Amino acid sequence: MDMDIEYDILMKFTYDNLDYVLYTDNTYDELGVFNIYGAKVGKEGRLEEVDDVDISDVFDKMIEEYKEKVIKGEI
């Protein structure tokens, strides 16, 4: 049985001339941490898996910036 999963885009950003998004399915992991994922925006706006290890630090930084904005009530 196929289930549709809805995602919310939290943030869009550009790095090294490529577009990326941070998104969530609004769930929490087993430790109670809010699930946030990252993907590259490819052709025709389709999300693509990120296989470049170098971008992981950028995702971590963007997730922290997002969390700070939430805490400050900016989002």
PDB file of N, CA and C in Angstrom:
ATOM      1  N   MET A   1       0.836  -1.180   0.000  1.00  0.00           N
ATOM      2  CA  MET A   1       0.000   0.000   0.000  1.00  0.00           C
ATOM      3  C   MET A   1       0.882   1.245   0.000  1.00  0.00           C
ATOM      4  N   ASP A   2       0.732   2.085  -1.005  1.00  0.00           N
ATOM      5  CA  ASP A   2       1.492   3.325  -1.087  1.00  0.00           C
ATOM      6  C   ASP A   2       0.835   4.394  -0.234  1.00  0.00           C
ATOM      7  N   MET A   3       1.678   5.134   0.483  1.00  0.00           N
ATOM      8  CA  MET A   3       1.180   6.244   1.285  1.00  0.00           C
ATOM      9  C   MET A   3       1.849   7.520   0.808  1.00  0.00           C
ATOM     10  N   ASP A   4       1.060   8.559   0.675  1.00  0.00           N
ATOM     11  CA  ASP A   4       1.624   9.851   0.347  1.00  0.00           C
ATOM     12  C   ASP A   4       2.148  10.485   1.624  1.00  0.00           C
ATOM     13  N   ILE A   5       3.334  11.027   1.554  1.00  0.00           N
ATOM     14  CA  ILE A   5       3.915  11.740   2.692  1.00  0.00           C
ATOM     15  C   ILE A   5       4.027  13.200   2.304  1.00  0.00           C
ATOM     16  N   GLU A   6       3.544  14.063   3.162  1.00  0.00           N
ATOM     17  CA  GLU A   6       3.633  15.495   2.897  1.00  0.00           C
ATOM     18  C   GLU A   6       4.860  16.058   3.597  1.00  0.00           C
ATOM     19  N   TYR A   7       5.529  16.950   2.900  1.00  0.00           N
ATOM     20  CA  TYR A   7       6.711  17.610   3.437  1.00  0.00           C
ATOM     21  C   TYR A   7       6.495  19.113   3.419  1.00  0.00           C
ATOM     22  N   ASP A   8       7.134  19.791   4.347  1.00  0.00           N
ATOM     23  CA  ASP A   8       7.139  21.252   4.375  1.00  0.00           C
ATOM     24  C   ASP A   8       8.553  21.731   4.116  1.00  0.00           C
ATOM     25  N   ILE A   9       8.694  22.673   3.199  1.00  0.00           N
ATOM     26  CA  ILE A   9       9.999  23.268   2.946  1.00  0.00           C
ATOM     27  C   ILE A   9      10.253  24.316   4.016  1.00  0.00           C
ATOM     28  N   LEU A  10      11.365  24.166   4.710  1.00  0.00           N
ATOM     29  CA  LEU A  10      11.718  25.074   5.788  1.00  0.00           C
ATOM     30  C   LEU A  10      12.572  26.237   5.303  1.00  0.00           C
ATOM     31  N   MET A  11      13.478  25.944   4.368  1.00  0.00           N
ATOM     32  CA  MET A  11      14.415  26.964   3.926  1.00  0.00           C
ATOM     33  C   MET A  11      14.977  26.588   2.565  1.00  0.00           C
ATOM     34  N   LYS A  12      15.155  27.597   1.734  1.00  0.00           N
ATOM     35  CA  LYS A  12      15.828  27.418   0.448  1.00  0.00           C
ATOM     36  C   LYS A  12      17.113  28.230   0.496  1.00  0.00           C
ATOM     37  N   PHE A  13      18.174  27.701  -0.126  1.00  0.00           N
ATOM     38  CA  PHE A  13      19.417  28.450  -0.188  1.00  0.00           C
ATOM     39  C   PHE A  13      20.247  28.007  -1.384  1.00  0.00           C
ATOM     40  N   THR A  14      21.188  28.850  -1.761  1.00  0.00           N
ATOM     41  CA  THR A  14      22.086  28.563  -2.869  1.00  0.00           C
ATOM     42  C   THR A  14      23.503  28.461  -2.324  1.00  0.00           C
ATOM     43  N   TYR A  15      24.210  27.455  -2.770  1.00  0.00           N
ATOM     44  CA  TYR A  15      25.600  27.255  -2.369  1.00  0.00           C
ATOM     45  C   TYR A  15      26.364  26.754  -3.584  1.00  0.00           C
ATOM     46  N   ASP A  16      27.447  27.408  -3.886  1.00  0.00           N
ATOM     47  CA  ASP A  16      28.295  27.010  -5.014  1.00  0.00           C
ATOM     48  C   ASP A  16      27.493  26.903  -6.309  1.00  0.00           C
ATOM     49  N   ASN A  17      26.604  27.892  -6.509  1.00  0.00           N
ATOM     50  CA  ASN A  17      25.758  28.007  -7.704  1.00  0.00           C
ATOM     51  C   ASN A  17      24.749  26.877  -7.876  1.00  0.00           C
ATOM     52  N   LEU A  18      24.449  26.140  -6.803  1.00  0.00           N
ATOM     53  CA  LEU A  18      23.431  25.100  -6.842  1.00  0.00           C
ATOM     54  C   LEU A  18      22.371  25.433  -5.799  1.00  0.00           C
ATOM     55  N   ASP A  19      21.126  25.077  -6.083  1.00  0.00           N
ATOM     56  CA  ASP A  19      20.025  25.366  -5.170  1.00  0.00           C
ATOM     57  C   ASP A  19      19.731  24.146  -4.302  1.00  0.00           C
ATOM     58  N   TYR A  20      19.466  24.427  -3.027  1.00  0.00           N
ATOM     59  CA  TYR A  20      19.179  23.385  -2.045  1.00  0.00           C
ATOM     60  C   TYR A  20      17.967  23.772  -1.223  1.00  0.00           C
ATOM     61  N   VAL A  21      17.365  22.775  -0.560  1.00  0.00           N
ATOM     62  CA  VAL A  21      16.278  23.028   0.375  1.00  0.00           C
ATOM     63  C   VAL A  21      16.497  22.197   1.634  1.00  0.00           C
ATOM     64  N   LEU A  22      16.004  22.738   2.739  1.00  0.00           N
ATOM     65  CA  LEU A  22      15.843  21.976   3.961  1.00  0.00           C
ATOM     66  C   LEU A  22      14.354  21.740   4.088  1.00  0.00           C
ATOM     67  N   TYR A  23      13.944  20.523   4.410  1.00  0.00           N
ATOM     68  CA  TYR A  23      12.525  20.206   4.486  1.00  0.00           C
ATOM     69  C   TYR A  23      12.278  19.216   5.623  1.00  0.00           C
ATOM     70  N   THR A  24      11.012  19.052   5.993  1.00  0.00           N
ATOM     71  CA  THR A  24      10.649  18.149   7.073  1.00  0.00           C
ATOM     72  C   THR A  24       9.354  17.421   6.747  1.00  0.00           C
ATOM     73  N   ASP A  25       9.206  16.266   7.359  1.00  0.00           N
ATOM     74  CA  ASP A  25       7.937  15.545   7.293  1.00  0.00           C
ATOM     75  C   ASP A  25       7.160  15.738   8.599  1.00  0.00           C
ATOM     76  N   ASN A  26       7.634  16.671   9.422  1.00  0.00           N
ATOM     77  CA  ASN A  26       7.008  17.037  10.696  1.00  0.00           C
ATOM     78  C   ASN A  26       6.918  15.867  11.673  1.00  0.00           C
ATOM     79  N   THR A  27       7.954  15.021  11.666  1.00  0.00           N
ATOM     80  CA  THR A  27       8.030  13.917  12.614  1.00  0.00           C
ATOM     81  C   THR A  27       9.281  14.094  13.476  1.00  0.00           C
ATOM     82  N   TYR A  28       9.375  13.250  14.484  1.00  0.00           N
ATOM     83  CA  TYR A  28      10.516  13.262  15.391  1.00  0.00           C
ATOM     84  C   TYR A  28      11.178  11.890  15.381  1.00  0.00           C
ATOM     85  N   ASP A  29      12.489  11.868  15.601  1.00  0.00           N
ATOM     86  CA  ASP A  29      13.169  10.582  15.671  1.00  0.00           C
ATOM     87  C   ASP A  29      12.973   9.962  17.050  1.00  0.00           C
ATOM     88  N   GLU A  30      13.583   8.805  17.276  1.00  0.00           N
ATOM     89  CA  GLU A  30      13.396   8.077  18.533  1.00  0.00           C
ATOM     90  C   GLU A  30      13.934   8.816  19.754  1.00  0.00           C
ATOM     91  N   LEU A  31      14.782   9.820  19.538  1.00  0.00           N
ATOM     92  CA  LEU A  31      15.311  10.634  20.635  1.00  0.00           C
ATOM     93  C   LEU A  31      14.516  11.914  20.846  1.00  0.00           C
ATOM     94  N   GLY A  32      13.467  12.102  20.029  1.00  0.00           N
ATOM     95  CA  GLY A  32      12.645  13.297  20.165  1.00  0.00           C
ATOM     96  C   GLY A  32      13.157  14.501  19.406  1.00  0.00           C
ATOM     97  N   VAL A  33      14.094  14.273  18.484  1.00  0.00           N
ATOM     98  CA  VAL A  33      14.662  15.355  17.676  1.00  0.00           C
ATOM     99  C   VAL A  33      13.827  15.516  16.407  1.00  0.00           C
ATOM    100  N   PHE A  34      13.454  16.743  16.108  1.00  0.00           N
ATOM    101  CA  PHE A  34      12.658  17.068  14.924  1.00  0.00           C
ATOM    102  C   PHE A  34      13.430  16.693  13.668  1.00  0.00           C
ATOM    103  N   ASN A  35      12.814  15.931  12.775  1.00  0.00           N
ATOM    104  CA  ASN A  35      13.476  15.472  11.555  1.00  0.00           C
ATOM    105  C   ASN A  35      13.541  16.576  10.506  1.00  0.00           C
ATOM    106  N   ILE A  36      14.753  16.919  10.101  1.00  0.00           N
ATOM    107  CA  ILE A  36      15.003  17.883   9.030  1.00  0.00           C
ATOM    108  C   ILE A  36      15.913  17.209   8.025  1.00  0.00           C
ATOM    109  N   TYR A  37      15.560  17.320   6.754  1.00  0.00           N
ATOM    110  CA  TYR A  37      16.318  16.690   5.674  1.00  0.00           C
ATOM    111  C   TYR A  37      16.806  17.763   4.711  1.00  0.00           C
ATOM    112  N   GLY A  38      17.788  17.409   3.901  1.00  0.00           N
ATOM    113  CA  GLY A  38      18.295  18.326   2.892  1.00  0.00           C
ATOM    114  C   GLY A  38      18.318  17.662   1.534  1.00  0.00           C
ATOM    115  N   ALA A  39      18.125  18.464   0.500  1.00  0.00           N
ATOM    116  CA  ALA A  39      18.162  17.945  -0.859  1.00  0.00           C
ATOM    117  C   ALA A  39      18.600  19.038  -1.822  1.00  0.00           C
ATOM    118  N   LYS A  40      19.121  18.599  -2.949  1.00  0.00           N
ATOM    119  CA  LYS A  40      19.474  19.527  -4.023  1.00  0.00           C
ATOM    120  C   LYS A  40      18.262  19.681  -4.925  1.00  0.00           C
ATOM    121  N   VAL A  41      18.033  20.882  -5.403  1.00  0.00           N
ATOM    122  CA  VAL A  41      16.946  21.123  -6.339  1.00  0.00           C
ATOM    123  C   VAL A  41      17.513  20.935  -7.741  1.00  0.00           C
ATOM    124  N   GLY A  42      17.024  19.923  -8.425  1.00  0.00           N
ATOM    125  CA  GLY A  42      17.535  19.598  -9.745  1.00  0.00           C
ATOM    126  C   GLY A  42      16.675  20.160 -10.855  1.00  0.00           C
ATOM    127  N   LYS A  43      16.782  19.518 -11.990  1.00  0.00           N
ATOM    128  CA  LYS A  43      16.017  19.926 -13.164  1.00  0.00           C
ATOM    129  C   LYS A  43      14.532  19.896 -12.877  1.00  0.00           C
ATOM    130  N   GLU A  44      13.835  20.862 -13.417  1.00  0.00           N
ATOM    131  CA  GLU A  44      12.385  20.976 -13.297  1.00  0.00           C
ATOM    132  C   GLU A  44      11.920  21.042 -11.843  1.00  0.00           C
ATOM    133  N   GLY A  45      12.810  21.470 -10.939  1.00  0.00           N
ATOM    134  CA  GLY A  45      12.436  21.642  -9.543  1.00  0.00           C
ATOM    135  C   GLY A  45      12.332  20.365  -8.737  1.00  0.00           C
ATOM    136  N   ARG A  46      12.776  19.264  -9.297  1.00  0.00           N
ATOM    137  CA  ARG A  46      12.714  17.984  -8.579  1.00  0.00           C
ATOM    138  C   ARG A  46      13.831  17.918  -7.547  1.00  0.00           C
ATOM    139  N   LEU A  47      13.503  17.352  -6.381  1.00  0.00           N
ATOM    140  CA  LEU A  47      14.503  17.193  -5.337  1.00  0.00           C
ATOM    141  C   LEU A  47      15.361  15.981  -5.638  1.00  0.00           C
ATOM    142  N   GLU A  48      16.672  16.153  -5.438  1.00  0.00           N
ATOM    143  CA  GLU A  48      17.623  15.091  -5.700  1.00  0.00           C
ATOM    144  C   GLU A  48      18.439  14.821  -4.442  1.00  0.00           C
ATOM    145  N   GLU A  49      18.809  13.565  -4.280  1.00  0.00           N
ATOM    146  CA  GLU A  49      19.643  13.189  -3.145  1.00  0.00           C
ATOM    147  C   GLU A  49      20.984  13.914  -3.238  1.00  0.00           C
ATOM    148  N   VAL A  50      21.496  14.305  -2.097  1.00  0.00           N
ATOM    149  CA  VAL A  50      22.793  14.977  -2.048  1.00  0.00           C
ATOM    150  C   VAL A  50      23.848  13.923  -1.766  1.00  0.00           C
ATOM    151  N   ASP A  51      24.777  13.766  -2.705  1.00  0.00           N
ATOM    152  CA  ASP A  51      25.823  12.766  -2.523  1.00  0.00           C
ATOM    153  C   ASP A  51      27.198  13.392  -2.338  1.00  0.00           C
ATOM    154  N   ASP A  52      27.230  14.708  -2.205  1.00  0.00           N
ATOM    155  CA  ASP A  52      28.486  15.431  -2.020  1.00  0.00           C
ATOM    156  C   ASP A  52      28.727  15.631  -0.524  1.00  0.00           C
ATOM    157  N   VAL A  53      29.720  14.965   0.007  1.00  0.00           N
ATOM    158  CA  VAL A  53      30.023  15.044   1.435  1.00  0.00           C
ATOM    159  C   VAL A  53      30.357  16.470   1.854  1.00  0.00           C
ATOM    160  N   ASP A  54      30.944  17.258   0.979  1.00  0.00           N
ATOM    161  CA  ASP A  54      31.340  18.624   1.312  1.00  0.00           C
ATOM    162  C   ASP A  54      30.158  19.508   1.696  1.00  0.00           C
ATOM    163  N   ILE A  55      28.978  19.204   1.209  1.00  0.00           N
ATOM    164  CA  ILE A  55      27.811  20.037   1.487  1.00  0.00           C
ATOM    165  C   ILE A  55      27.236  19.757   2.879  1.00  0.00           C
ATOM    166  N   SER A  56      27.599  18.651   3.512  1.00  0.00           N
ATOM    167  CA  SER A  56      27.008  18.304   4.810  1.00  0.00           C
ATOM    168  C   SER A  56      27.268  19.373   5.865  1.00  0.00           C
ATOM    169  N   ASP A  57      28.452  19.981   5.861  1.00  0.00           N
ATOM    170  CA  ASP A  57      28.740  21.067   6.809  1.00  0.00           C
ATOM    171  C   ASP A  57      27.847  22.273   6.546  1.00  0.00           C
ATOM    172  N   VAL A  58      27.568  22.537   5.280  1.00  0.00           N
ATOM    173  CA  VAL A  58      26.695  23.658   4.922  1.00  0.00           C
ATOM    174  C   VAL A  58      25.278  23.375   5.417  1.00  0.00           C
ATOM    175  N   PHE A  59      24.798  22.139   5.229  1.00  0.00           N
ATOM    176  CA  PHE A  59      23.474  21.773   5.730  1.00  0.00           C
ATOM    177  C   PHE A  59      23.411  21.947   7.242  1.00  0.00           C
ATOM    178  N   ASP A  60      24.439  21.486   7.940  1.00  0.00           N
ATOM    179  CA  ASP A  60      24.465  21.630   9.398  1.00  0.00           C
ATOM    180  C   ASP A  60      24.377  23.093   9.805  1.00  0.00           C
ATOM    181  N   LYS A  61      25.118  23.950   9.113  1.00  0.00           N
ATOM    182  CA  LYS A  61      25.095  25.384   9.414  1.00  0.00           C
ATOM    183  C   LYS A  61      23.706  25.972   9.146  1.00  0.00           C
ATOM    184  N   MET A  62      23.104  25.600   8.032  1.00  0.00           N
ATOM    185  CA  MET A  62      21.783  26.137   7.687  1.00  0.00           C
ATOM    186  C   MET A  62      20.714  25.643   8.665  1.00  0.00           C
ATOM    187  N   ILE A  63      20.826  24.397   9.119  1.00  0.00           N
ATOM    188  CA  ILE A  63      19.880  23.880  10.105  1.00  0.00           C
ATOM    189  C   ILE A  63      20.006  24.662  11.407  1.00  0.00           C
ATOM    190  N   GLU A  64      21.223  24.945  11.832  1.00  0.00           N
ATOM    191  CA  GLU A  64      21.426  25.728  13.059  1.00  0.00           C
ATOM    192  C   GLU A  64      20.864  27.135  12.911  1.00  0.00           C
ATOM    193  N   GLU A  65      21.070  27.759  11.753  1.00  0.00           N
ATOM    194  CA  GLU A  65      20.502  29.089  11.508  1.00  0.00           C
ATOM    195  C   GLU A  65      18.973  29.034  11.561  1.00  0.00           C
ATOM    196  N   TYR A  66      18.394  27.988  11.005  1.00  0.00           N
ATOM    197  CA  TYR A  66      16.940  27.841  11.031  1.00  0.00           C
ATOM    198  C   TYR A  66      16.449  27.715  12.476  1.00  0.00           C
ATOM    199  N   LYS A  67      17.108  26.872  13.256  1.00  0.00           N
ATOM    200  CA  LYS A  67      16.719  26.682  14.655  1.00  0.00           C
ATOM    201  C   LYS A  67      16.799  27.992  15.434  1.00  0.00           C
ATOM    202  N   GLU A  68      17.859  28.768  15.204  1.00  0.00           N
ATOM    203  CA  GLU A  68      18.002  30.053  15.895  1.00  0.00           C
ATOM    204  C   GLU A  68      16.863  31.000  15.542  1.00  0.00           C
ATOM    205  N   LYS A  69      16.450  31.021  14.272  1.00  0.00           N
ATOM    206  CA  LYS A  69      15.335  31.878  13.862  1.00  0.00           C
ATOM    207  C   LYS A  69      14.037  31.433  14.531  1.00  0.00           C
ATOM    208  N   VAL A  70      13.838  30.132  14.673  1.00  0.00           N
ATOM    209  CA  VAL A  70      12.640  29.625  15.339  1.00  0.00           C
ATOM    210  C   VAL A  70      12.646  30.055  16.798  1.00  0.00           C
ATOM    211  N   ILE A  71      13.774  29.893  17.461  1.00  0.00           N
ATOM    212  CA  ILE A  71      13.885  30.267  18.879  1.00  0.00           C
ATOM    213  C   ILE A  71      13.625  31.750  19.073  1.00  0.00           C
ATOM    214  N   LYS A  72      14.119  32.569  18.149  1.00  0.00           N
ATOM    215  CA  LYS A  72      13.931  34.024  18.246  1.00  0.00           C
ATOM    216  C   LYS A  72      12.518  34.461  17.809  1.00  0.00           C
ATOM    217  N   GLY A  73      11.746  33.515  17.300  1.00  0.00           N
ATOM    218  CA  GLY A  73      10.395  33.845  16.860  1.00  0.00           C
ATOM    219  C   GLY A  73      10.348  34.525  15.504  1.00  0.00           C
ATOM    220  N   GLU A  74      11.413  34.431  14.744  1.00  0.00           N
ATOM    221  CA  GLU A  74      11.474  35.037  13.415  1.00  0.00           C
ATOM    222  C   GLU A  74      10.768  34.177  12.373  1.00  0.00           C
ATOM    223  N   ILE A  75      10.517  32.928  12.721  1.00  0.00           N
ATOM    224  CA  ILE A  75       9.828  32.013  11.799  1.00  0.00           C
ATOM    225  C   ILE A  75       8.610  31.461  12.512  1.00  0.00           C
TER     226      ILE A  75
END
